[in-house]
Amino acid sequence: MGILASFIIRLSGGGFSLSDLVSDIEARIQVHDLIIKLRTVVADTLGRDMQTALGWSFDLARATSSAPVYDVSTVPAIKPPLPAGVSGVRFLVDLSGCRQLGRARLDALASHERALLPP
């Protein structure tokens, strides 16, 4: 099972940066292959804006205070293979129709999966 945590951040003049967040998650994961996967997802998500975005600062406590977590198998997605001639797709998903994972399911996650979630 894959998981998706949805955070809403508001940029602030100081506080925790996106780079700090990635470093914090890497330190908690401590599994090389998963760290590479995290970096790949961050780079793919941020694209050309990655260097600028890594410097964005936000209030971490506010962002994580109500971060819902979902089983990715329940989140609408465009799955490969893509049609011939299509090399990539970006899209937005409305999560309002997706069911959040309950506390029991979160507690049952493997330690490396829990390491990805806010404390």
PDB file of N, CA and C in Angstrom:
ATOM      1  N   MET A   1       0.850  -1.182   0.000  1.00  0.00           N
ATOM      2  CA  MET A   1       0.000   0.000   0.000  1.00  0.00           C
ATOM      3  C   MET A   1       0.887   1.234   0.000  1.00  0.00           C
ATOM      4  N   GLY A   2       0.569   2.193  -0.851  1.00  0.00           N
ATOM      5  CA  GLY A   2       1.217   3.490  -0.817  1.00  0.00           C
ATOM      6  C   GLY A   2       0.330   4.462  -0.057  1.00  0.00           C
ATOM      7  N   ILE A   3       0.920   5.507   0.461  1.00  0.00           N
ATOM      8  CA  ILE A   3       0.150   6.508   1.194  1.00  0.00           C
ATOM      9  C   ILE A   3       0.382   7.886   0.604  1.00  0.00           C
ATOM     10  N   LEU A   4      -0.605   8.744   0.772  1.00  0.00           N
ATOM     11  CA  LEU A   4      -0.525  10.124   0.324  1.00  0.00           C
ATOM     12  C   LEU A   4      -0.991  10.996   1.477  1.00  0.00           C
ATOM     13  N   ALA A   5      -0.150  11.929   1.893  1.00  0.00           N
ATOM     14  CA  ALA A   5      -0.534  12.907   2.916  1.00  0.00           C
ATOM     15  C   ALA A   5      -0.700  14.245   2.207  1.00  0.00           C
ATOM     16  N   SER A   6      -1.782  14.915   2.483  1.00  0.00           N
ATOM     17  CA  SER A   6      -2.091  16.181   1.825  1.00  0.00           C
ATOM     18  C   SER A   6      -1.870  17.339   2.795  1.00  0.00           C
ATOM     19  N   PHE A   7      -0.921  18.202   2.462  1.00  0.00           N
ATOM     20  CA  PHE A   7      -0.592  19.350   3.304  1.00  0.00           C
ATOM     21  C   PHE A   7      -0.995  20.637   2.605  1.00  0.00           C
ATOM     22  N   ILE A   8      -1.536  21.554   3.353  1.00  0.00           N
ATOM     23  CA  ILE A   8      -1.782  22.897   2.838  1.00  0.00           C
ATOM     24  C   ILE A   8      -0.813  23.813   3.566  1.00  0.00           C
ATOM     25  N   ILE A   9       0.062  24.447   2.802  1.00  0.00           N
ATOM     26  CA  ILE A   9       1.038  25.326   3.437  1.00  0.00           C
ATOM     27  C   ILE A   9       0.797  26.766   3.009  1.00  0.00           C
ATOM     28  N   ARG A  10       1.109  27.637   3.920  1.00  0.00           N
ATOM     29  CA  ARG A  10       1.078  29.066   3.648  1.00  0.00           C
ATOM     30  C   ARG A  10       2.504  29.570   3.811  1.00  0.00           C
ATOM     31  N   LEU A  11       3.006  30.205   2.766  1.00  0.00           N
ATOM     32  CA  LEU A  11       4.370  30.705   2.825  1.00  0.00           C
ATOM     33  C   LEU A  11       4.498  31.749   3.925  1.00  0.00           C
ATOM     34  N   SER A  12       5.645  31.724   4.608  1.00  0.00           N
ATOM     35  CA  SER A  12       5.911  32.710   5.645  1.00  0.00           C
ATOM     36  C   SER A  12       7.334  33.216   5.476  1.00  0.00           C
ATOM     37  N   GLY A  13       7.635  34.308   6.137  1.00  0.00           N
ATOM     38  CA  GLY A  13       8.958  34.910   6.018  1.00  0.00           C
ATOM     39  C   GLY A  13      10.046  34.110   6.706  1.00  0.00           C
ATOM     40  N   GLY A  14       9.682  33.232   7.593  1.00  0.00           N
ATOM     41  CA  GLY A  14      10.662  32.419   8.308  1.00  0.00           C
ATOM     42  C   GLY A  14      10.045  31.078   8.609  1.00  0.00           C
ATOM     43  N   GLY A  15      10.714  30.306   9.395  1.00  0.00           N
ATOM     44  CA  GLY A  15      10.168  29.010   9.775  1.00  0.00           C
ATOM     45  C   GLY A  15      10.860  27.874   9.073  1.00  0.00           C
ATOM     46  N   PHE A  16      10.138  26.805   8.869  1.00  0.00           N
ATOM     47  CA  PHE A  16      10.635  25.564   8.303  1.00  0.00           C
ATOM     48  C   PHE A  16      10.638  25.676   6.787  1.00  0.00           C
ATOM     49  N   SER A  17      11.733  25.316   6.129  1.00  0.00           N
ATOM     50  CA  SER A  17      11.762  25.377   4.666  1.00  0.00           C
ATOM     51  C   SER A  17      11.418  24.014   4.087  1.00  0.00           C
ATOM     52  N   LEU A  18      11.062  24.000   2.829  1.00  0.00           N
ATOM     53  CA  LEU A  18      10.784  22.741   2.146  1.00  0.00           C
ATOM     54  C   LEU A  18      12.045  21.866   2.152  1.00  0.00           C
ATOM     55  N   SER A  19      13.198  22.479   2.002  1.00  0.00           N
ATOM     56  CA  SER A  19      14.457  21.736   2.076  1.00  0.00           C
ATOM     57  C   SER A  19      14.630  21.103   3.456  1.00  0.00           C
ATOM     58  N   ASP A  20      14.280  21.846   4.520  1.00  0.00           N
ATOM     59  CA  ASP A  20      14.338  21.297   5.882  1.00  0.00           C
ATOM     60  C   ASP A  20      13.420  20.090   6.015  1.00  0.00           C
ATOM     61  N   LEU A  21      12.227  20.204   5.434  1.00  0.00           N
ATOM     62  CA  LEU A  21      11.250  19.112   5.518  1.00  0.00           C
ATOM     63  C   LEU A  21      11.783  17.856   4.847  1.00  0.00           C
ATOM     64  N   VAL A  22      12.328  17.998   3.655  1.00  0.00           N
ATOM     65  CA  VAL A  22      12.878  16.847   2.933  1.00  0.00           C
ATOM     66  C   VAL A  22      14.023  16.228   3.746  1.00  0.00           C
ATOM     67  N   SER A  23      14.907  17.057   4.285  1.00  0.00           N
ATOM     68  CA  SER A  23      16.025  16.548   5.095  1.00  0.00           C
ATOM     69  C   SER A  23      15.529  15.828   6.344  1.00  0.00           C
ATOM     70  N   ASP A  24      14.497  16.375   6.975  1.00  0.00           N
ATOM     71  CA  ASP A  24      13.924  15.758   8.173  1.00  0.00           C
ATOM     72  C   ASP A  24      13.335  14.382   7.845  1.00  0.00           C
ATOM     73  N   ILE A  25      12.623  14.289   6.746  1.00  0.00           N
ATOM     74  CA  ILE A  25      12.040  13.005   6.342  1.00  0.00           C
ATOM     75  C   ILE A  25      13.148  12.007   6.009  1.00  0.00           C
ATOM     76  N   GLU A  26      14.177  12.450   5.296  1.00  0.00           N
ATOM     77  CA  GLU A  26      15.290  11.562   4.949  1.00  0.00           C
ATOM     78  C   GLU A  26      15.940  10.986   6.206  1.00  0.00           C
ATOM     79  N   ALA A  27      16.114  11.819   7.224  1.00  0.00           N
ATOM     80  CA  ALA A  27      16.741  11.367   8.471  1.00  0.00           C
ATOM     81  C   ALA A  27      15.878  10.328   9.182  1.00  0.00           C
ATOM     82  N   ARG A  28      14.560  10.452   9.061  1.00  0.00           N
ATOM     83  CA  ARG A  28      13.663   9.493   9.707  1.00  0.00           C
ATOM     84  C   ARG A  28      13.529   8.207   8.901  1.00  0.00           C
ATOM     85  N   ILE A  29      13.644   8.271   7.587  1.00  0.00           N
ATOM     86  CA  ILE A  29      13.497   7.077   6.743  1.00  0.00           C
ATOM     87  C   ILE A  29      14.694   6.146   6.920  1.00  0.00           C
ATOM     88  N   GLN A  30      15.874   6.658   6.736  1.00  0.00           N
ATOM     89  CA  GLN A  30      17.125   5.916   6.878  1.00  0.00           C
ATOM     90  C   GLN A  30      17.212   4.665   5.996  1.00  0.00           C
ATOM     91  N   VAL A  31      16.522   4.662   4.870  1.00  0.00           N
ATOM     92  CA  VAL A  31      16.610   3.563   3.902  1.00  0.00           C
ATOM     93  C   VAL A  31      16.978   4.212   2.561  1.00  0.00           C
ATOM     94  N   HIS A  32      18.172   3.881   2.072  1.00  0.00           N
ATOM     95  CA  HIS A  32      18.714   4.560   0.890  1.00  0.00           C
ATOM     96  C   HIS A  32      17.749   4.577  -0.300  1.00  0.00           C
ATOM     97  N   ASP A  33      17.163   3.431  -0.648  1.00  0.00           N
ATOM     98  CA  ASP A  33      16.268   3.358  -1.806  1.00  0.00           C
ATOM     99  C   ASP A  33      15.047   4.264  -1.630  1.00  0.00           C
ATOM    100  N   LEU A  34      14.532   4.345  -0.399  1.00  0.00           N
ATOM    101  CA  LEU A  34      13.374   5.199  -0.148  1.00  0.00           C
ATOM    102  C   LEU A  34      13.748   6.681  -0.173  1.00  0.00           C
ATOM    103  N   ILE A  35      14.957   6.997   0.249  1.00  0.00           N
ATOM    104  CA  ILE A  35      15.434   8.387   0.173  1.00  0.00           C
ATOM    105  C   ILE A  35      15.537   8.811  -1.292  1.00  0.00           C
ATOM    106  N   ILE A  36      16.063   7.947  -2.130  1.00  0.00           N
ATOM    107  CA  ILE A  36      16.156   8.237  -3.568  1.00  0.00           C
ATOM    108  C   ILE A  36      14.758   8.421  -4.145  1.00  0.00           C
ATOM    109  N   LYS A  37      13.806   7.565  -3.753  1.00  0.00           N
ATOM    110  CA  LYS A  37      12.419   7.683  -4.225  1.00  0.00           C
ATOM    111  C   LYS A  37      11.829   9.021  -3.780  1.00  0.00           C
ATOM    112  N   LEU A  38      12.048   9.404  -2.529  1.00  0.00           N
ATOM    113  CA  LEU A  38      11.559  10.693  -2.028  1.00  0.00           C
ATOM    114  C   LEU A  38      12.125  11.834  -2.855  1.00  0.00           C
ATOM    115  N   ARG A  39      13.415  11.835  -3.086  1.00  0.00           N
ATOM    116  CA  ARG A  39      14.051  12.908  -3.867  1.00  0.00           C
ATOM    117  C   ARG A  39      13.495  12.949  -5.290  1.00  0.00           C
ATOM    118  N   THR A  40      13.247  11.781  -5.870  1.00  0.00           N
ATOM    119  CA  THR A  40      12.699  11.719  -7.223  1.00  0.00           C
ATOM    120  C   THR A  40      11.297  12.317  -7.267  1.00  0.00           C
ATOM    121  N   VAL A  41      10.453  11.948  -6.293  1.00  0.00           N
ATOM    122  CA  VAL A  41       9.086  12.473  -6.248  1.00  0.00           C
ATOM    123  C   VAL A  41       9.111  13.991  -6.051  1.00  0.00           C
ATOM    124  N   VAL A  42       9.968  14.484  -5.163  1.00  0.00           N
ATOM    125  CA  VAL A  42      10.067  15.931  -4.933  1.00  0.00           C
ATOM    126  C   VAL A  42      10.513  16.627  -6.220  1.00  0.00           C
ATOM    127  N   ALA A  43      11.539  16.098  -6.878  1.00  0.00           N
ATOM    128  CA  ALA A  43      12.042  16.718  -8.111  1.00  0.00           C
ATOM    129  C   ALA A  43      10.995  16.680  -9.215  1.00  0.00           C
ATOM    130  N   ASP A  44      10.320  15.553  -9.377  1.00  0.00           N
ATOM    131  CA  ASP A  44       9.290  15.433 -10.410  1.00  0.00           C
ATOM    132  C   ASP A  44       8.119  16.371 -10.132  1.00  0.00           C
ATOM    133  N   THR A  45       7.761  16.514  -8.862  1.00  0.00           N
ATOM    134  CA  THR A  45       6.627  17.354  -8.493  1.00  0.00           C
ATOM    135  C   THR A  45       6.933  18.830  -8.692  1.00  0.00           C
ATOM    136  N   LEU A  46       8.127  19.251  -8.289  1.00  0.00           N
ATOM    137  CA  LEU A  46       8.477  20.672  -8.347  1.00  0.00           C
ATOM    138  C   LEU A  46       9.029  21.100  -9.706  1.00  0.00           C
ATOM    139  N   GLY A  47       9.565  20.156 -10.455  1.00  0.00           N
ATOM    140  CA  GLY A  47      10.064  20.454 -11.797  1.00  0.00           C
ATOM    141  C   GLY A  47      11.097  21.567 -11.818  1.00  0.00           C
ATOM    142  N   ARG A  48      10.943  22.470 -12.786  1.00  0.00           N
ATOM    143  CA  ARG A  48      11.899  23.569 -12.973  1.00  0.00           C
ATOM    144  C   ARG A  48      11.996  24.497 -11.769  1.00  0.00           C
ATOM    145  N   ASP A  49      10.962  24.518 -10.952  1.00  0.00           N
ATOM    146  CA  ASP A  49      10.930  25.428  -9.806  1.00  0.00           C
ATOM    147  C   ASP A  49      11.569  24.837  -8.554  1.00  0.00           C
ATOM    148  N   MET A  50      12.199  23.674  -8.672  1.00  0.00           N
ATOM    149  CA  MET A  50      12.681  22.979  -7.495  1.00  0.00           C
ATOM    150  C   MET A  50      13.652  23.809  -6.657  1.00  0.00           C
ATOM    151  N   GLN A  51      14.658  24.406  -7.257  1.00  0.00           N
ATOM    152  CA  GLN A  51      15.640  25.164  -6.478  1.00  0.00           C
ATOM    153  C   GLN A  51      14.992  26.302  -5.712  1.00  0.00           C
ATOM    154  N   THR A  52      14.085  27.016  -6.343  1.00  0.00           N
ATOM    155  CA  THR A  52      13.371  28.105  -5.669  1.00  0.00           C
ATOM    156  C   THR A  52      12.462  27.550  -4.584  1.00  0.00           C
ATOM    157  N   ALA A  53      11.721  26.502  -4.906  1.00  0.00           N
ATOM    158  CA  ALA A  53      10.744  25.932  -3.975  1.00  0.00           C
ATOM    159  C   ALA A  53      11.404  25.374  -2.720  1.00  0.00           C
ATOM    160  N   LEU A  54      12.588  24.800  -2.830  1.00  0.00           N
ATOM    161  CA  LEU A  54      13.256  24.242  -1.659  1.00  0.00           C
ATOM    162  C   LEU A  54      13.555  25.310  -0.616  1.00  0.00           C
ATOM    163  N   GLY A  55      13.593  26.570  -1.028  1.00  0.00           N
ATOM    164  CA  GLY A  55      13.823  27.670  -0.095  1.00  0.00           C
ATOM    165  C   GLY A  55      12.558  28.247   0.513  1.00  0.00           C
ATOM    166  N   TRP A  56      11.384  27.823   0.036  1.00  0.00           N
ATOM    167  CA  TRP A  56      10.131  28.330   0.585  1.00  0.00           C
ATOM    168  C   TRP A  56      10.039  27.966   2.063  1.00  0.00           C
ATOM    169  N   SER A  57       9.600  28.912   2.885  1.00  0.00           N
ATOM    170  CA  SER A  57       9.428  28.668   4.317  1.00  0.00           C
ATOM    171  C   SER A  57       7.954  28.707   4.673  1.00  0.00           C
ATOM    172  N   PHE A  58       7.594  27.928   5.690  1.00  0.00           N
ATOM    173  CA  PHE A  58       6.199  27.843   6.112  1.00  0.00           C
ATOM    174  C   PHE A  58       6.139  27.422   7.574  1.00  0.00           C
ATOM    175  N   ASP A  59       4.958  27.530   8.152  1.00  0.00           N
ATOM    176  CA  ASP A  59       4.714  27.130   9.539  1.00  0.00           C
ATOM    177  C   ASP A  59       4.401  25.627   9.538  1.00  0.00           C
ATOM    178  N   LEU A  60       5.360  24.817   9.966  1.00  0.00           N
ATOM    179  CA  LEU A  60       5.211  23.364   9.919  1.00  0.00           C
ATOM    180  C   LEU A  60       4.071  22.875  10.813  1.00  0.00           C
ATOM    181  N   ALA A  61       3.957  23.423  12.006  1.00  0.00           N
ATOM    182  CA  ALA A  61       2.901  22.974  12.926  1.00  0.00           C
ATOM    183  C   ALA A  61       1.524  23.212  12.322  1.00  0.00           C
ATOM    184  N   ARG A  62       1.348  24.345  11.698  1.00  0.00           N
ATOM    185  CA  ARG A  62       0.051  24.650  11.069  1.00  0.00           C
ATOM    186  C   ARG A  62      -0.218  23.712   9.889  1.00  0.00           C
ATOM    187  N   ALA A  63       0.819  23.462   9.090  1.00  0.00           N
ATOM    188  CA  ALA A  63       0.656  22.623   7.901  1.00  0.00           C
ATOM    189  C   ALA A  63       0.326  21.175   8.277  1.00  0.00           C
ATOM    190  N   THR A  64       0.900  20.682   9.367  1.00  0.00           N
ATOM    191  CA  THR A  64       0.702  19.275   9.730  1.00  0.00           C
ATOM    192  C   THR A  64      -0.451  19.048  10.704  1.00  0.00           C
ATOM    193  N   SER A  65      -1.045  20.114  11.203  1.00  0.00           N
ATOM    194  CA  SER A  65      -2.099  19.958  12.211  1.00  0.00           C
ATOM    195  C   SER A  65      -3.340  19.257  11.669  1.00  0.00           C
ATOM    196  N   SER A  66      -3.556  19.362  10.386  1.00  0.00           N
ATOM    197  CA  SER A  66      -4.739  18.693   9.822  1.00  0.00           C
ATOM    198  C   SER A  66      -4.399  18.107   8.451  1.00  0.00           C
ATOM    199  N   ALA A  67      -3.334  17.316   8.412  1.00  0.00           N
ATOM    200  CA  ALA A  67      -2.901  16.704   7.154  1.00  0.00           C
ATOM    201  C   ALA A  67      -3.549  15.332   6.992  1.00  0.00           C
ATOM    202  N   PRO A  68      -4.598  15.235   6.183  1.00  0.00           N
ATOM    203  CA  PRO A  68      -5.226  13.937   5.973  1.00  0.00           C
ATOM    204  C   PRO A  68      -4.300  12.989   5.212  1.00  0.00           C
ATOM    205  N   VAL A  69      -4.438  11.694   5.492  1.00  0.00           N
ATOM    206  CA  VAL A  69      -3.619  10.665   4.853  1.00  0.00           C
ATOM    207  C   VAL A  69      -4.550   9.701   4.130  1.00  0.00           C
ATOM    208  N   TYR A  70      -4.180   9.334   2.906  1.00  0.00           N
ATOM    209  CA  TYR A  70      -5.005   8.478   2.058  1.00  0.00           C
ATOM    210  C   TYR A  70      -4.216   7.273   1.585  1.00  0.00           C
ATOM    211  N   ASP A  71      -4.914   6.179   1.313  1.00  0.00           N
ATOM    212  CA  ASP A  71      -4.346   5.022   0.628  1.00  0.00           C
ATOM    213  C   ASP A  71      -4.338   5.405  -0.855  1.00  0.00           C
ATOM    214  N   VAL A  72      -3.163   5.409  -1.492  1.00  0.00           N
ATOM    215  CA  VAL A  72      -3.091   5.878  -2.882  1.00  0.00           C
ATOM    216  C   VAL A  72      -3.941   5.059  -3.843  1.00  0.00           C
ATOM    217  N   SER A  73      -4.264   3.833  -3.475  1.00  0.00           N
ATOM    218  CA  SER A  73      -5.094   3.028  -4.378  1.00  0.00           C
ATOM    219  C   SER A  73      -6.513   3.584  -4.493  1.00  0.00           C
ATOM    220  N   THR A  74      -6.908   4.478  -3.579  1.00  0.00           N
ATOM    221  CA  THR A  74      -8.244   5.069  -3.624  1.00  0.00           C
ATOM    222  C   THR A  74      -8.248   6.456  -4.265  1.00  0.00           C
ATOM    223  N   VAL A  75      -7.072   6.952  -4.630  1.00  0.00           N
ATOM    224  CA  VAL A  75      -6.945   8.296  -5.209  1.00  0.00           C
ATOM    225  C   VAL A  75      -6.990   8.180  -6.739  1.00  0.00           C
ATOM    226  N   PRO A  76      -7.857   8.978  -7.389  1.00  0.00           N
ATOM    227  CA  PRO A  76      -7.907   8.929  -8.861  1.00  0.00           C
ATOM    228  C   PRO A  76      -6.528   9.203  -9.466  1.00  0.00           C
ATOM    229  N   ALA A  77      -6.196   8.462 -10.515  1.00  0.00           N
ATOM    230  CA  ALA A  77      -4.870   8.604 -11.128  1.00  0.00           C
ATOM    231  C   ALA A  77      -4.921   8.249 -12.601  1.00  0.00           C
ATOM    232  N   ILE A  78      -3.933   8.727 -13.324  1.00  0.00           N
ATOM    233  CA  ILE A  78      -3.711   8.325 -14.710  1.00  0.00           C
ATOM    234  C   ILE A  78      -2.581   7.311 -14.650  1.00  0.00           C
ATOM    235  N   LYS A  79      -2.878   6.086 -15.029  1.00  0.00           N
ATOM    236  CA  LYS A  79      -1.902   5.010 -14.882  1.00  0.00           C
ATOM    237  C   LYS A  79      -1.275   4.655 -16.219  1.00  0.00           C
ATOM    238  N   PRO A  80       0.018   4.320 -16.185  1.00  0.00           N
ATOM    239  CA  PRO A  80       0.692   3.903 -17.405  1.00  0.00           C
ATOM    240  C   PRO A  80       0.143   2.578 -17.904  1.00  0.00           C
ATOM    241  N   PRO A  81       0.324   2.267 -19.154  1.00  0.00           N
ATOM    242  CA  PRO A  81       1.126   3.015 -20.112  1.00  0.00           C
ATOM    243  C   PRO A  81       0.348   4.182 -20.707  1.00  0.00           C
ATOM    244  N   LEU A  82       1.083   5.264 -20.954  1.00  0.00           N
ATOM    245  CA  LEU A  82       0.484   6.422 -21.608  1.00  0.00           C
ATOM    246  C   LEU A  82       0.356   6.122 -23.102  1.00  0.00           C
ATOM    247  N   PRO A  83      -0.596   6.765 -23.752  1.00  0.00           N
ATOM    248  CA  PRO A  83      -0.747   6.547 -25.201  1.00  0.00           C
ATOM    249  C   PRO A  83       0.512   6.959 -25.965  1.00  0.00           C
ATOM    250  N   ALA A  84       0.722   6.343 -27.103  1.00  0.00           N
ATOM    251  CA  ALA A  84       1.859   6.692 -27.952  1.00  0.00           C
ATOM    252  C   ALA A  84       1.829   8.191 -28.237  1.00  0.00           C
ATOM    253  N   GLY A  85       2.984   8.814 -28.164  1.00  0.00           N
ATOM    254  CA  GLY A  85       3.090  10.247 -28.433  1.00  0.00           C
ATOM    255  C   GLY A  85       2.913  11.110 -27.188  1.00  0.00           C
ATOM    256  N   VAL A  86       2.504  10.536 -26.074  1.00  0.00           N
ATOM    257  CA  VAL A  86       2.355  11.277 -24.821  1.00  0.00           C
ATOM    258  C   VAL A  86       3.538  10.918 -23.934  1.00  0.00           C
ATOM    259  N   SER A  87       4.367  11.919 -23.601  1.00  0.00           N
ATOM    260  CA  SER A  87       5.568  11.638 -22.817  1.00  0.00           C
ATOM    261  C   SER A  87       5.406  11.977 -21.345  1.00  0.00           C
ATOM    262  N   GLY A  88       4.351  12.692 -20.991  1.00  0.00           N
ATOM    263  CA  GLY A  88       4.135  13.022 -19.588  1.00  0.00           C
ATOM    264  C   GLY A  88       2.780  13.672 -19.390  1.00  0.00           C
ATOM    265  N   VAL A  89       2.292  13.575 -18.173  1.00  0.00           N
ATOM    266  CA  VAL A  89       0.987  14.139 -17.831  1.00  0.00           C
ATOM    267  C   VAL A  89       1.079  14.761 -16.445  1.00  0.00           C
ATOM    268  N   ARG A  90       0.499  15.946 -16.261  1.00  0.00           N
ATOM    269  CA  ARG A  90       0.355  16.568 -14.937  1.00  0.00           C
ATOM    270  C   ARG A  90      -1.124  16.807 -14.738  1.00  0.00           C
ATOM    271  N   PHE A  91      -1.614  16.569 -13.527  1.00  0.00           N
ATOM    272  CA  PHE A  91      -3.031  16.747 -13.265  1.00  0.00           C
ATOM    273  C   PHE A  91      -3.251  17.060 -11.791  1.00  0.00           C
ATOM    274  N   LEU A  92      -4.399  17.589 -11.478  1.00  0.00           N
ATOM    275  CA  LEU A  92      -4.802  17.872 -10.107  1.00  0.00           C
ATOM    276  C   LEU A  92      -5.910  16.905  -9.725  1.00  0.00           C
ATOM    277  N   VAL A  93      -5.929  16.486  -8.473  1.00  0.00           N
ATOM    278  CA  VAL A  93      -6.936  15.545  -7.999  1.00  0.00           C
ATOM    279  C   VAL A  93      -7.753  16.197  -6.891  1.00  0.00           C
ATOM    280  N   ASP A  94      -9.056  16.057  -6.975  1.00  0.00           N
ATOM    281  CA  ASP A  94      -9.956  16.495  -5.916  1.00  0.00           C
ATOM    282  C   ASP A  94     -10.050  15.346  -4.918  1.00  0.00           C
ATOM    283  N   LEU A  95      -9.482  15.543  -3.720  1.00  0.00           N
ATOM    284  CA  LEU A  95      -9.445  14.484  -2.718  1.00  0.00           C
ATOM    285  C   LEU A  95     -10.710  14.408  -1.870  1.00  0.00           C
ATOM    286  N   SER A  96     -11.659  15.302  -2.110  1.00  0.00           N
ATOM    287  CA  SER A  96     -12.853  15.342  -1.258  1.00  0.00           C
ATOM    288  C   SER A  96     -13.667  14.048  -1.324  1.00  0.00           C
ATOM    289  N   GLY A  97     -13.573  13.301  -2.398  1.00  0.00           N
ATOM    290  CA  GLY A  97     -14.310  12.048  -2.508  1.00  0.00           C
ATOM    291  C   GLY A  97     -13.515  10.830  -2.063  1.00  0.00           C
ATOM    292  N   CYS A  98     -12.279  11.054  -1.610  1.00  0.00           N
ATOM    293  CA  CYS A  98     -11.422   9.941  -1.172  1.00  0.00           C
ATOM    294  C   CYS A  98     -11.527   9.780   0.344  1.00  0.00           C
ATOM    295  N   ARG A  99     -11.506   8.533   0.781  1.00  0.00           N
ATOM    296  CA  ARG A  99     -11.617   8.245   2.212  1.00  0.00           C
ATOM    297  C   ARG A  99     -10.250   8.342   2.878  1.00  0.00           C
ATOM    298  N   GLN A 100     -10.197   9.057   3.998  1.00  0.00           N
ATOM    299  CA  GLN A 100      -8.957   9.187   4.758  1.00  0.00           C
ATOM    300  C   GLN A 100      -8.687   7.900   5.542  1.00  0.00           C
ATOM    301  N   LEU A 101      -7.399   7.600   5.735  1.00  0.00           N
ATOM    302  CA  LEU A 101      -7.036   6.457   6.560  1.00  0.00           C
ATOM    303  C   LEU A 101      -7.346   6.780   8.019  1.00  0.00           C
ATOM    304  N   GLY A 102      -7.903   5.820   8.732  1.00  0.00           N
ATOM    305  CA  GLY A 102      -8.206   5.992  10.148  1.00  0.00           C
ATOM    306  C   GLY A 102      -6.982   5.754  11.012  1.00  0.00           C
ATOM    307  N   ARG A 103      -7.071   6.070  12.271  1.00  0.00           N
ATOM    308  CA  ARG A 103      -5.959   5.939  13.211  1.00  0.00           C
ATOM    309  C   ARG A 103      -5.435   4.501  13.257  1.00  0.00           C
ATOM    310  N   ALA A 104      -6.310   3.509  13.252  1.00  0.00           N
ATOM    311  CA  ALA A 104      -5.868   2.110  13.319  1.00  0.00           C
ATOM    312  C   ALA A 104      -5.012   1.749  12.105  1.00  0.00           C
ATOM    313  N   ARG A 105      -5.421   2.196  10.929  1.00  0.00           N
ATOM    314  CA  ARG A 105      -4.637   1.926   9.703  1.00  0.00           C
ATOM    315  C   ARG A 105      -3.295   2.644   9.742  1.00  0.00           C
ATOM    316  N   LEU A 106      -3.286   3.883  10.260  1.00  0.00           N
ATOM    317  CA  LEU A 106      -2.027   4.631  10.370  1.00  0.00           C
ATOM    318  C   LEU A 106      -1.076   3.949  11.343  1.00  0.00           C
ATOM    319  N   ASP A 107      -1.615   3.467  12.467  1.00  0.00           N
ATOM    320  CA  ASP A 107      -0.782   2.789  13.463  1.00  0.00           C
ATOM    321  C   ASP A 107      -0.220   1.483  12.924  1.00  0.00           C
ATOM    322  N   ALA A 108      -0.903   0.870  11.956  1.00  0.00           N
ATOM    323  CA  ALA A 108      -0.465  -0.407  11.395  1.00  0.00           C
ATOM    324  C   ALA A 108       0.566  -0.252  10.275  1.00  0.00           C
ATOM    325  N   LEU A 109       0.870   0.976   9.879  1.00  0.00           N
ATOM    326  CA  LEU A 109       1.850   1.190   8.817  1.00  0.00           C
ATOM    327  C   LEU A 109       3.231   0.715   9.261  1.00  0.00           C
ATOM    328  N   ALA A 110       4.028   0.297   8.307  1.00  0.00           N
ATOM    329  CA  ALA A 110       5.416  -0.076   8.593  1.00  0.00           C
ATOM    330  C   ALA A 110       6.171   1.156   9.074  1.00  0.00           C
ATOM    331  N   SER A 111       7.231   0.946   9.834  1.00  0.00           N
ATOM    332  CA  SER A 111       7.970   2.065  10.424  1.00  0.00           C
ATOM    333  C   SER A 111       8.493   3.037   9.367  1.00  0.00           C
ATOM    334  N   HIS A 112       8.954   2.522   8.214  1.00  0.00           N
ATOM    335  CA  HIS A 112       9.457   3.428   7.183  1.00  0.00           C
ATOM    336  C   HIS A 112       8.325   4.244   6.551  1.00  0.00           C
ATOM    337  N   GLU A 113       7.090   3.720   6.563  1.00  0.00           N
ATOM    338  CA  GLU A 113       5.951   4.490   6.062  1.00  0.00           C
ATOM    339  C   GLU A 113       5.541   5.556   7.081  1.00  0.00           C
ATOM    340  N   ARG A 114       5.520   5.190   8.363  1.00  0.00           N
ATOM    341  CA  ARG A 114       5.187   6.163   9.406  1.00  0.00           C
ATOM    342  C   ARG A 114       6.211   7.289   9.444  1.00  0.00           C
ATOM    343  N   ALA A 115       7.467   6.991   9.088  1.00  0.00           N
ATOM    344  CA  ALA A 115       8.526   7.999   9.090  1.00  0.00           C
ATOM    345  C   ALA A 115       8.237   9.125   8.111  1.00  0.00           C
ATOM    346  N   LEU A 116       7.399   8.849   7.118  1.00  0.00           N
ATOM    347  CA  LEU A 116       7.051   9.877   6.131  1.00  0.00           C
ATOM    348  C   LEU A 116       5.991  10.842   6.640  1.00  0.00           C
ATOM    349  N   LEU A 117       5.306  10.466   7.710  1.00  0.00           N
ATOM    350  CA  LEU A 117       4.197  11.270   8.215  1.00  0.00           C
ATOM    351  C   LEU A 117       4.676  12.216   9.300  1.00  0.00           C
ATOM    352  N   PRO A 118       3.920  13.312   9.495  1.00  0.00           N
ATOM    353  CA  PRO A 118       4.304  14.227  10.572  1.00  0.00           C
ATOM    354  C   PRO A 118       4.180  13.542  11.927  1.00  0.00           C
ATOM    355  N   PRO A 119       5.018  13.949  12.890  1.00  0.00           N
ATOM    356  CA  PRO A 119       4.965  13.329  14.221  1.00  0.00           C
ATOM    357  C   PRO A 119       3.636  13.580  14.904  1.00  0.00           C
TER     358      PRO A 119
END
